[in-house]
Amino acid sequence: MKIKRQTKIMELIKTRDVDTQEELLMLLRAAGFECTQATVSRDIRELKIVKASNGKGGYRYVSATLPTSEHIATKFAKILADTVKSVDQAMNLVVLRTYMAMASAACITIDAMNFEGILGSIAGDDTIVLITKNEEDAHRICVKLKEQIGAA
């Protein structure tokens, strides 16, 4: 029963913004699990569940072992803001200037962000070139990257 209950807890926190143990307990009971506040508290500890920002000014439970997409996006934005000096478009190319020796780190971050429309990327020492399918994709990516580095 413990495994089923803990599986349900993980499912609930992945699909809803659950922000209190009381709410989690209510949801578990509604799903047919008879348990106490103490049991839910132990489950939260065992599953390494923590509270994180829900992006709407509140908090929600999340698994501490798996980073949330919001957490990852925040890290990517910080890396880009700390390494990229400028973003420009040249037809279907996006050219980024970085601080010396930071192009590889920024390029790896951009690759991990999986922008739609990027065919490939090339990083030098302080320059990155992103090759896109067309000028519209280059423009869209340029705008998004400028937003990420705070230059929009």
C-alpha atoms as a PDB file:
ATOM      1  CA  MET A   1       0.000   0.000   0.000  1.00  0.00           C
ATOM      2  CA  LYS A   2       2.891   2.355   0.772  1.00  0.00           C
ATOM      3  CA  ILE A   3       4.328   2.038  -2.748  1.00  0.00           C
ATOM      4  CA  LYS A   4       0.928   2.686  -4.337  1.00  0.00           C
ATOM      5  CA  ARG A   5       0.350   5.701  -2.083  1.00  0.00           C
ATOM      6  CA  GLN A   6       3.785   7.145  -2.793  1.00  0.00           C
ATOM      7  CA  THR A   7       3.325   6.576  -6.520  1.00  0.00           C
ATOM      8  CA  LYS A   8       0.023   8.449  -6.305  1.00  0.00           C
ATOM      9  CA  ILE A   9       1.722  11.296  -4.418  1.00  0.00           C
ATOM     10  CA  MET A  10       4.322  11.641  -7.171  1.00  0.00           C
ATOM     11  CA  GLU A  11       1.577  11.598  -9.800  1.00  0.00           C
ATOM     12  CA  LEU A  12      -0.394  14.275  -7.941  1.00  0.00           C
ATOM     13  CA  ILE A  13       2.516  16.674  -7.526  1.00  0.00           C
ATOM     14  CA  LYS A  14       3.498  16.273 -11.185  1.00  0.00           C
ATOM     15  CA  THR A  15       0.001  17.035 -12.469  1.00  0.00           C
ATOM     16  CA  ARG A  16      -1.224  19.665  -9.973  1.00  0.00           C
ATOM     17  CA  ASP A  17      -0.008  22.638  -7.974  1.00  0.00           C
ATOM     18  CA  VAL A  18      -0.244  21.032  -4.526  1.00  0.00           C
ATOM     19  CA  ASP A  19       1.093  23.451  -1.922  1.00  0.00           C
ATOM     20  CA  THR A  20       0.170  22.008   1.487  1.00  0.00           C
ATOM     21  CA  GLN A  21       0.236  18.649   3.211  1.00  0.00           C
ATOM     22  CA  GLU A  22      -3.445  19.116   4.023  1.00  0.00           C
ATOM     23  CA  GLU A  23      -4.282  19.487   0.324  1.00  0.00           C
ATOM     24  CA  LEU A  24      -2.171  16.443  -0.528  1.00  0.00           C
ATOM     25  CA  LEU A  25      -3.924  14.454   2.203  1.00  0.00           C
ATOM     26  CA  MET A  26      -7.345  15.472   0.824  1.00  0.00           C
ATOM     27  CA  LEU A  27      -6.351  14.446  -2.705  1.00  0.00           C
ATOM     28  CA  LEU A  28      -5.058  11.098  -1.477  1.00  0.00           C
ATOM     29  CA  ARG A  29      -8.259  10.436   0.449  1.00  0.00           C
ATOM     30  CA  ALA A  30     -10.327  11.379  -2.622  1.00  0.00           C
ATOM     31  CA  ALA A  31      -8.276   8.813  -4.567  1.00  0.00           C
ATOM     32  CA  GLY A  32      -9.178   6.110  -2.015  1.00  0.00           C
ATOM     33  CA  PHE A  33      -6.090   6.176   0.219  1.00  0.00           C
ATOM     34  CA  GLU A  34      -6.836   6.231   3.934  1.00  0.00           C
ATOM     35  CA  CYS A  35      -3.862   7.846   5.632  1.00  0.00           C
ATOM     36  CA  THR A  36      -2.951  10.401   8.261  1.00  0.00           C
ATOM     37  CA  GLN A  37      -1.096  13.701   8.212  1.00  0.00           C
ATOM     38  CA  ALA A  38       1.899  11.976   9.837  1.00  0.00           C
ATOM     39  CA  THR A  39       1.968   9.367   7.063  1.00  0.00           C
ATOM     40  CA  VAL A  40       1.895  12.053   4.365  1.00  0.00           C
ATOM     41  CA  SER A  41       4.667  13.930   6.146  1.00  0.00           C
ATOM     42  CA  ARG A  42       6.837  10.777   6.242  1.00  0.00           C
ATOM     43  CA  ASP A  43       6.112  10.099   2.564  1.00  0.00           C
ATOM     44  CA  ILE A  44       7.165  13.638   1.637  1.00  0.00           C
ATOM     45  CA  ARG A  45      10.453  13.157   3.493  1.00  0.00           C
ATOM     46  CA  GLU A  46      11.125   9.704   2.004  1.00  0.00           C
ATOM     47  CA  LEU A  47      10.311  10.853  -1.539  1.00  0.00           C
ATOM     48  CA  LYS A  48      12.541  13.926  -1.121  1.00  0.00           C
ATOM     49  CA  ILE A  49       9.724  16.283  -2.016  1.00  0.00           C
ATOM     50  CA  VAL A  50      10.327  19.999  -1.494  1.00  0.00           C
ATOM     51  CA  LYS A  51       8.442  23.224  -2.120  1.00  0.00           C
ATOM     52  CA  ALA A  52       9.374  25.304  -5.156  1.00  0.00           C
ATOM     53  CA  SER A  53       7.941  28.354  -6.879  1.00  0.00           C
ATOM     54  CA  ASN A  54       4.912  27.616  -9.027  1.00  0.00           C
ATOM     55  CA  GLY A  55       5.661  30.606 -11.256  1.00  0.00           C
ATOM     56  CA  LYS A  56       2.437  32.333 -10.155  1.00  0.00           C
ATOM     57  CA  GLY A  57       3.605  33.856  -6.890  1.00  0.00           C
ATOM     58  CA  GLY A  58       2.946  30.737  -4.818  1.00  0.00           C
ATOM     59  CA  TYR A  59       4.583  27.426  -4.064  1.00  0.00           C
ATOM     60  CA  ARG A  60       4.038  23.797  -4.943  1.00  0.00           C
ATOM     61  CA  TYR A  61       5.512  20.445  -4.040  1.00  0.00           C
ATOM     62  CA  VAL A  62       8.103  19.046  -6.461  1.00  0.00           C
ATOM     63  CA  SER A  63      10.530  16.154  -6.411  1.00  0.00           C
ATOM     64  CA  ALA A  64      13.948  17.346  -5.252  1.00  0.00           C
ATOM     65  CA  THR A  65      15.614  14.558  -7.224  1.00  0.00           C
ATOM     66  CA  LEU A  66      14.357  15.727 -10.628  1.00  0.00           C
ATOM     67  CA  PRO A  67      14.792  19.372 -11.612  1.00  0.00           C
ATOM     68  CA  THR A  68      11.655  21.077 -12.855  1.00  0.00           C
ATOM     69  CA  SER A  69      11.535  22.538 -16.337  1.00  0.00           C
ATOM     70  CA  GLU A  70      11.166  25.975 -14.738  1.00  0.00           C
ATOM     71  CA  HIS A  71      14.355  25.392 -12.736  1.00  0.00           C
ATOM     72  CA  ILE A  72      16.235  24.292 -15.842  1.00  0.00           C
ATOM     73  CA  ALA A  73      14.946  27.255 -17.876  1.00  0.00           C
ATOM     74  CA  THR A  74      16.102  29.622 -15.124  1.00  0.00           C
ATOM     75  CA  LYS A  75      19.575  28.065 -15.146  1.00  0.00           C
ATOM     76  CA  PHE A  76      19.801  28.320 -18.946  1.00  0.00           C
ATOM     77  CA  ALA A  77      18.722  31.981 -18.854  1.00  0.00           C
ATOM     78  CA  LYS A  78      21.370  32.753 -16.220  1.00  0.00           C
ATOM     79  CA  ILE A  79      24.117  31.041 -18.223  1.00  0.00           C
ATOM     80  CA  LEU A  80      23.182  33.033 -21.328  1.00  0.00           C
ATOM     81  CA  ALA A  81      22.887  36.320 -19.408  1.00  0.00           C
ATOM     82  CA  ASP A  82      26.342  35.722 -17.891  1.00  0.00           C
ATOM     83  CA  THR A  83      28.092  34.761 -21.150  1.00  0.00           C
ATOM     84  CA  VAL A  84      26.414  36.470 -24.134  1.00  0.00           C
ATOM     85  CA  LYS A  85      27.138  40.135 -24.916  1.00  0.00           C
ATOM     86  CA  SER A  86      25.084  40.559 -28.098  1.00  0.00           C
ATOM     87  CA  VAL A  87      22.735  38.788 -30.504  1.00  0.00           C
ATOM     88  CA  ASP A  88      22.336  39.789 -34.151  1.00  0.00           C
ATOM     89  CA  GLN A  89      20.698  38.375 -37.256  1.00  0.00           C
ATOM     90  CA  ALA A  90      22.231  38.081 -40.724  1.00  0.00           C
ATOM     91  CA  MET A  91      19.663  36.578 -43.093  1.00  0.00           C
ATOM     92  CA  ASN A  92      19.134  32.987 -41.858  1.00  0.00           C
ATOM     93  CA  LEU A  93      22.020  33.191 -39.367  1.00  0.00           C
ATOM     94  CA  VAL A  94      22.025  34.282 -35.739  1.00  0.00           C
ATOM     95  CA  VAL A  95      25.385  35.560 -34.546  1.00  0.00           C
ATOM     96  CA  LEU A  96      26.135  35.813 -30.847  1.00  0.00           C
ATOM     97  CA  ARG A  97      29.144  37.560 -29.328  1.00  0.00           C
ATOM     98  CA  THR A  98      30.231  36.213 -25.945  1.00  0.00           C
ATOM     99  CA  TYR A  99      32.839  37.048 -23.378  1.00  0.00           C
ATOM    100  CA  MET A 100      36.257  35.577 -24.175  1.00  0.00           C
ATOM    101  CA  ALA A 101      36.328  31.750 -23.972  1.00  0.00           C
ATOM    102  CA  MET A 102      32.594  31.524 -23.161  1.00  0.00           C
ATOM    103  CA  ALA A 103      31.176  30.663 -26.582  1.00  0.00           C
ATOM    104  CA  SER A 104      31.288  26.892 -26.020  1.00  0.00           C
ATOM    105  CA  ALA A 105      29.357  27.103 -22.734  1.00  0.00           C
ATOM    106  CA  ALA A 106      26.738  29.394 -24.255  1.00  0.00           C
ATOM    107  CA  CYS A 107      26.460  27.231 -27.386  1.00  0.00           C
ATOM    108  CA  ILE A 108      25.974  24.039 -25.350  1.00  0.00           C
ATOM    109  CA  THR A 109      23.217  25.828 -23.425  1.00  0.00           C
ATOM    110  CA  ILE A 110      21.492  26.986 -26.617  1.00  0.00           C
ATOM    111  CA  ASP A 111      21.710  23.459 -28.065  1.00  0.00           C
ATOM    112  CA  ALA A 112      20.131  22.066 -24.875  1.00  0.00           C
ATOM    113  CA  MET A 113      17.250  24.553 -25.166  1.00  0.00           C
ATOM    114  CA  ASN A 114      16.142  22.778 -28.380  1.00  0.00           C
ATOM    115  CA  PHE A 115      14.997  25.844 -30.301  1.00  0.00           C
ATOM    116  CA  GLU A 116      12.804  24.852 -33.213  1.00  0.00           C
ATOM    117  CA  GLY A 117      14.324  25.923 -36.516  1.00  0.00           C
ATOM    118  CA  ILE A 118      18.023  25.675 -35.664  1.00  0.00           C
ATOM    119  CA  LEU A 119      19.778  23.389 -38.151  1.00  0.00           C
ATOM    120  CA  GLY A 120      23.164  23.618 -36.455  1.00  0.00           C
ATOM    121  CA  SER A 121      25.506  25.692 -34.330  1.00  0.00           C
ATOM    122  CA  ILE A 122      29.183  26.562 -34.465  1.00  0.00           C
ATOM    123  CA  ALA A 123      31.111  27.983 -31.509  1.00  0.00           C
ATOM    124  CA  GLY A 124      34.473  29.690 -31.623  1.00  0.00           C
ATOM    125  CA  ASP A 125      36.205  31.382 -28.717  1.00  0.00           C
ATOM    126  CA  ASP A 126      33.916  34.403 -28.395  1.00  0.00           C
ATOM    127  CA  THR A 127      31.430  33.935 -31.263  1.00  0.00           C
ATOM    128  CA  ILE A 128      28.555  31.571 -31.970  1.00  0.00           C
ATOM    129  CA  VAL A 129      26.815  31.129 -35.318  1.00  0.00           C
ATOM    130  CA  LEU A 130      23.385  29.490 -35.378  1.00  0.00           C
ATOM    131  CA  ILE A 131      22.214  28.296 -38.785  1.00  0.00           C
ATOM    132  CA  THR A 132      18.446  28.355 -39.216  1.00  0.00           C
ATOM    133  CA  LYS A 133      16.106  27.140 -41.944  1.00  0.00           C
ATOM    134  CA  ASN A 134      14.986  30.616 -42.958  1.00  0.00           C
ATOM    135  CA  GLU A 135      15.021  34.290 -42.015  1.00  0.00           C
ATOM    136  CA  GLU A 136      11.778  34.010 -40.029  1.00  0.00           C
ATOM    137  CA  ASP A 137      13.270  31.315 -37.777  1.00  0.00           C
ATOM    138  CA  ALA A 138      16.425  33.388 -37.363  1.00  0.00           C
ATOM    139  CA  HIS A 139      14.376  36.431 -36.366  1.00  0.00           C
ATOM    140  CA  ARG A 140      12.247  34.463 -33.867  1.00  0.00           C
ATOM    141  CA  ILE A 141      15.331  32.874 -32.275  1.00  0.00           C
ATOM    142  CA  CYS A 142      17.146  36.207 -32.179  1.00  0.00           C
ATOM    143  CA  VAL A 143      14.210  37.789 -30.314  1.00  0.00           C
ATOM    144  CA  LYS A 144      14.030  34.887 -27.814  1.00  0.00           C
ATOM    145  CA  LEU A 145      17.754  34.988 -27.140  1.00  0.00           C
ATOM    146  CA  LYS A 146      17.679  38.759 -26.626  1.00  0.00           C
ATOM    147  CA  GLU A 147      14.917  38.237 -24.079  1.00  0.00           C
ATOM    148  CA  GLN A 148      17.023  35.599 -22.324  1.00  0.00           C
ATOM    149  CA  ILE A 149      20.008  37.920 -21.964  1.00  0.00           C
ATOM    150  CA  GLY A 150      17.899  40.940 -21.063  1.00  0.00           C
ATOM    151  CA  ALA A 151      18.630  42.873 -24.251  1.00  0.00           C
ATOM    152  CA  ALA A 152      15.102  42.841 -25.669  1.00  0.00           C
END
